[in-house]
Amino acid sequence: MSKVIRFDSKYIEGEATYEGTEMVCVPKKKYGEVLLGFRTDTGIASFASLKFHDGTAKSADRVFDMASEIGEEIALLWNEKYGKQECES
């Protein structure tokens, strides 16, 4: 039985099998946010935004590095468990 993620939002709708799917973290310092998404044949389908600030540039700048580290860790853990596995020769 394949494991499926279902999306139903303003920007992404449908479902996808997530085994073998690579999650990526996309830090966007200019916007003070860190996106999480899945790599697809046509680019990155983002599904989450990590924001640990109150909307001001000063607040966003103070927490941006931490938010980026958390996003990278989430993607790393996902990819270790569900991402594409390299074949050993």
N, C-alpha and C. Protein backbone atom coordinates (compact mmCIF):
# COMPACT_ATOMS: atom_id res chain seq x y z
N MET A 1 0.85 -1.17 0.00
CA MET A 1 0.00 0.00 0.00
C MET A 1 0.90 1.24 0.00
N SER A 2 0.71 2.11 -0.97
CA SER A 2 1.55 3.31 -1.04
C SER A 2 1.01 4.38 -0.09
N LYS A 3 1.95 5.16 0.42
CA LYS A 3 1.61 6.23 1.34
C LYS A 3 1.35 7.49 0.53
N VAL A 4 0.23 8.14 0.81
CA VAL A 4 -0.21 9.27 0.00
C VAL A 4 -0.39 10.52 0.86
N ILE A 5 0.03 11.65 0.29
CA ILE A 5 -0.22 12.95 0.90
C ILE A 5 -1.34 13.59 0.09
N ARG A 6 -2.32 14.14 0.77
CA ARG A 6 -3.40 14.85 0.08
C ARG A 6 -3.26 16.34 0.34
N PHE A 7 -3.34 17.12 -0.72
CA PHE A 7 -3.24 18.57 -0.63
C PHE A 7 -4.58 19.18 -1.04
N ASP A 8 -5.02 20.15 -0.30
CA ASP A 8 -6.24 20.87 -0.65
C ASP A 8 -6.11 22.29 -0.12
N SER A 9 -5.42 23.11 -0.88
CA SER A 9 -5.21 24.50 -0.46
C SER A 9 -5.40 25.42 -1.66
N LYS A 10 -5.21 26.69 -1.42
CA LYS A 10 -5.37 27.67 -2.48
C LYS A 10 -4.39 27.44 -3.63
N TYR A 11 -3.17 26.98 -3.32
CA TYR A 11 -2.13 26.90 -4.32
C TYR A 11 -1.80 25.49 -4.80
N ILE A 12 -2.17 24.49 -4.05
CA ILE A 12 -1.85 23.11 -4.45
C ILE A 12 -3.01 22.20 -4.07
N GLU A 13 -3.40 21.38 -5.00
CA GLU A 13 -4.52 20.47 -4.78
C GLU A 13 -4.20 19.14 -5.43
N GLY A 14 -4.61 18.07 -4.82
CA GLY A 14 -4.39 16.74 -5.36
C GLY A 14 -3.70 15.86 -4.35
N GLU A 15 -3.11 14.79 -4.84
CA GLU A 15 -2.41 13.87 -3.96
C GLU A 15 -1.18 13.32 -4.66
N ALA A 16 -0.26 12.85 -3.85
CA ALA A 16 0.99 12.30 -4.37
C ALA A 16 1.49 11.23 -3.43
N THR A 17 2.12 10.23 -3.99
CA THR A 17 2.79 9.23 -3.18
C THR A 17 4.06 9.85 -2.64
N TYR A 18 4.31 9.72 -1.36
CA TYR A 18 5.47 10.42 -0.82
C TYR A 18 6.70 9.57 -0.62
N GLU A 19 6.60 8.26 -0.76
CA GLU A 19 7.81 7.46 -0.67
C GLU A 19 8.68 7.74 -1.90
N GLY A 20 9.93 8.05 -1.67
CA GLY A 20 10.84 8.37 -2.76
C GLY A 20 10.79 9.81 -3.21
N THR A 21 10.04 10.65 -2.48
CA THR A 21 9.92 12.06 -2.82
C THR A 21 10.90 12.86 -1.97
N GLU A 22 11.60 13.78 -2.60
CA GLU A 22 12.58 14.59 -1.87
C GLU A 22 11.93 15.88 -1.35
N MET A 23 12.09 16.11 -0.05
CA MET A 23 11.64 17.37 0.53
C MET A 23 12.80 18.34 0.51
N VAL A 24 12.52 19.60 0.24
CA VAL A 24 13.55 20.62 0.22
C VAL A 24 13.13 21.79 1.12
N CYS A 25 14.13 22.48 1.62
CA CYS A 25 13.94 23.67 2.42
C CYS A 25 14.43 24.84 1.58
N VAL A 26 13.59 25.88 1.46
CA VAL A 26 13.94 27.04 0.63
C VAL A 26 13.89 28.30 1.50
N PRO A 27 15.04 28.71 2.04
CA PRO A 27 15.07 29.94 2.84
C PRO A 27 14.93 31.16 1.93
N LYS A 28 14.07 32.09 2.29
CA LYS A 28 13.86 33.31 1.53
C LYS A 28 14.06 34.50 2.48
N LYS A 29 15.31 34.87 2.63
CA LYS A 29 15.65 35.93 3.59
C LYS A 29 14.95 37.24 3.27
N LYS A 30 14.84 37.55 1.98
CA LYS A 30 14.19 38.80 1.57
C LYS A 30 12.76 38.91 2.14
N TYR A 31 12.08 37.76 2.24
CA TYR A 31 10.70 37.75 2.73
C TYR A 31 10.59 37.30 4.18
N GLY A 32 11.72 36.94 4.79
CA GLY A 32 11.71 36.53 6.19
C GLY A 32 10.98 35.23 6.42
N GLU A 33 11.02 34.33 5.44
CA GLU A 33 10.32 33.06 5.59
C GLU A 33 11.16 31.91 5.06
N VAL A 34 10.81 30.73 5.49
CA VAL A 34 11.45 29.50 5.05
C VAL A 34 10.34 28.60 4.54
N LEU A 35 10.46 28.18 3.29
CA LEU A 35 9.45 27.31 2.70
C LEU A 35 9.90 25.86 2.74
N LEU A 36 8.95 24.97 2.92
CA LEU A 36 9.18 23.54 2.76
C LEU A 36 8.39 23.09 1.55
N GLY A 37 8.97 22.22 0.76
CA GLY A 37 8.27 21.74 -0.43
C GLY A 37 8.84 20.43 -0.92
N PHE A 38 8.20 19.89 -1.93
CA PHE A 38 8.66 18.66 -2.56
C PHE A 38 9.20 18.98 -3.94
N ARG A 39 10.35 18.38 -4.25
CA ARG A 39 10.93 18.55 -5.58
C ARG A 39 10.09 17.76 -6.57
N THR A 40 9.72 18.40 -7.67
CA THR A 40 8.94 17.75 -8.72
C THR A 40 9.71 17.86 -10.03
N ASP A 41 9.16 17.26 -11.09
CA ASP A 41 9.79 17.34 -12.40
C ASP A 41 9.83 18.77 -12.92
N THR A 42 8.92 19.61 -12.46
CA THR A 42 8.83 20.98 -12.98
C THR A 42 9.32 22.04 -12.00
N GLY A 43 9.78 21.65 -10.83
CA GLY A 43 10.25 22.63 -9.85
C GLY A 43 10.00 22.16 -8.44
N ILE A 44 9.60 23.07 -7.59
CA ILE A 44 9.34 22.76 -6.18
C ILE A 44 7.90 23.13 -5.86
N ALA A 45 7.17 22.17 -5.33
CA ALA A 45 5.79 22.41 -4.89
C ALA A 45 5.85 22.69 -3.40
N SER A 46 5.79 23.97 -3.03
CA SER A 46 5.87 24.31 -1.61
C SER A 46 4.52 24.08 -0.95
N PHE A 47 4.57 23.65 0.30
CA PHE A 47 3.34 23.36 1.03
C PHE A 47 3.31 23.96 2.42
N ALA A 48 4.44 24.51 2.88
CA ALA A 48 4.46 25.07 4.23
C ALA A 48 5.43 26.23 4.29
N SER A 49 5.13 27.17 5.14
CA SER A 49 5.99 28.32 5.38
C SER A 49 6.27 28.41 6.87
N LEU A 50 7.54 28.46 7.23
CA LEU A 50 7.92 28.60 8.63
C LEU A 50 8.18 30.07 8.92
N LYS A 51 7.41 30.63 9.81
CA LYS A 51 7.60 32.02 10.21
C LYS A 51 7.57 32.07 11.74
N PHE A 52 8.66 32.53 12.31
CA PHE A 52 8.77 32.62 13.77
C PHE A 52 8.92 34.07 14.19
N HIS A 53 8.22 34.97 13.51
CA HIS A 53 8.38 36.39 13.80
C HIS A 53 7.03 37.10 13.76
N ASP A 54 7.06 38.36 14.15
CA ASP A 54 5.81 39.13 14.25
C ASP A 54 5.49 39.94 13.00
N GLY A 55 6.24 39.72 11.93
CA GLY A 55 5.96 40.42 10.68
C GLY A 55 6.86 41.61 10.41
N THR A 56 7.62 42.03 11.42
CA THR A 56 8.53 43.15 11.21
C THR A 56 9.87 42.63 10.68
N ALA A 57 10.57 43.46 9.92
CA ALA A 57 11.87 43.07 9.36
C ALA A 57 12.88 42.75 10.46
N LYS A 58 12.87 43.55 11.53
CA LYS A 58 13.81 43.32 12.63
C LYS A 58 13.58 41.97 13.29
N SER A 59 12.33 41.65 13.55
CA SER A 59 11.98 40.36 14.16
C SER A 59 12.33 39.21 13.22
N ALA A 60 12.01 39.36 11.94
CA ALA A 60 12.31 38.31 10.96
C ALA A 60 13.81 38.07 10.87
N ASP A 61 14.59 39.12 10.88
CA ASP A 61 16.04 39.00 10.78
C ASP A 61 16.62 38.27 11.99
N ARG A 62 16.06 38.53 13.18
CA ARG A 62 16.57 37.89 14.40
C ARG A 62 16.37 36.39 14.40
N VAL A 63 15.30 35.89 13.80
CA VAL A 63 14.98 34.46 13.88
C VAL A 63 15.19 33.70 12.57
N PHE A 64 15.62 34.39 11.52
CA PHE A 64 15.72 33.75 10.21
C PHE A 64 16.67 32.56 10.20
N ASP A 65 17.86 32.71 10.78
CA ASP A 65 18.83 31.60 10.77
C ASP A 65 18.28 30.39 11.51
N MET A 66 17.61 30.62 12.65
CA MET A 66 17.02 29.51 13.40
C MET A 66 15.92 28.82 12.59
N ALA A 67 15.07 29.61 11.94
CA ALA A 67 14.00 29.04 11.13
C ALA A 67 14.58 28.23 9.97
N SER A 68 15.67 28.72 9.38
CA SER A 68 16.32 28.00 8.28
C SER A 68 16.87 26.66 8.77
N GLU A 69 17.50 26.67 9.94
CA GLU A 69 18.04 25.43 10.51
C GLU A 69 16.92 24.43 10.79
N ILE A 70 15.82 24.90 11.33
CA ILE A 70 14.69 24.00 11.61
C ILE A 70 14.15 23.43 10.30
N GLY A 71 14.00 24.27 9.27
CA GLY A 71 13.53 23.79 7.98
C GLY A 71 14.46 22.74 7.38
N GLU A 72 15.77 22.99 7.46
CA GLU A 72 16.75 22.02 6.94
C GLU A 72 16.65 20.70 7.70
N GLU A 73 16.47 20.77 9.01
CA GLU A 73 16.37 19.55 9.82
C GLU A 73 15.10 18.76 9.48
N ILE A 74 14.00 19.46 9.29
CA ILE A 74 12.75 18.79 8.89
C ILE A 74 12.95 18.07 7.57
N ALA A 75 13.53 18.77 6.59
CA ALA A 75 13.76 18.17 5.26
C ALA A 75 14.71 16.98 5.37
N LEU A 76 15.78 17.12 6.14
CA LEU A 76 16.75 16.04 6.31
C LEU A 76 16.08 14.80 6.90
N LEU A 77 15.32 14.99 7.96
CA LEU A 77 14.65 13.85 8.61
C LEU A 77 13.65 13.19 7.66
N TRP A 78 12.90 13.99 6.93
CA TRP A 78 11.95 13.45 5.96
C TRP A 78 12.69 12.61 4.92
N ASN A 79 13.74 13.16 4.35
CA ASN A 79 14.47 12.49 3.29
C ASN A 79 15.16 11.21 3.78
N GLU A 80 15.59 11.20 5.04
CA GLU A 80 16.18 9.98 5.59
C GLU A 80 15.14 8.87 5.69
N LYS A 81 13.91 9.25 6.01
CA LYS A 81 12.87 8.24 6.19
C LYS A 81 12.13 7.89 4.89
N TYR A 82 11.80 8.90 4.08
CA TYR A 82 10.95 8.67 2.92
C TYR A 82 11.59 8.99 1.57
N GLY A 83 12.68 9.72 1.58
CA GLY A 83 13.27 10.20 0.33
C GLY A 83 13.83 9.09 -0.54
N LYS A 84 14.30 9.51 -1.70
CA LYS A 84 14.90 8.56 -2.64
C LYS A 84 16.11 7.90 -1.99
N GLN A 85 16.12 6.60 -2.06
CA GLN A 85 17.24 5.84 -1.49
C GLN A 85 18.19 5.43 -2.61
N GLU A 86 19.47 5.67 -2.39
CA GLU A 86 20.47 5.28 -3.37
C GLU A 86 20.68 3.77 -3.28
N CYS A 87 20.85 3.15 -4.43
CA CYS A 87 21.12 1.72 -4.47
C CYS A 87 22.60 1.49 -4.14
N GLU A 88 22.83 0.51 -3.29
CA GLU A 88 24.22 0.17 -2.97
C GLU A 88 24.72 -0.82 -3.99
N SER A 89 25.96 -0.60 -4.47
CA SER A 89 26.50 -1.55 -5.46
C SER A 89 27.45 -2.54 -4.84
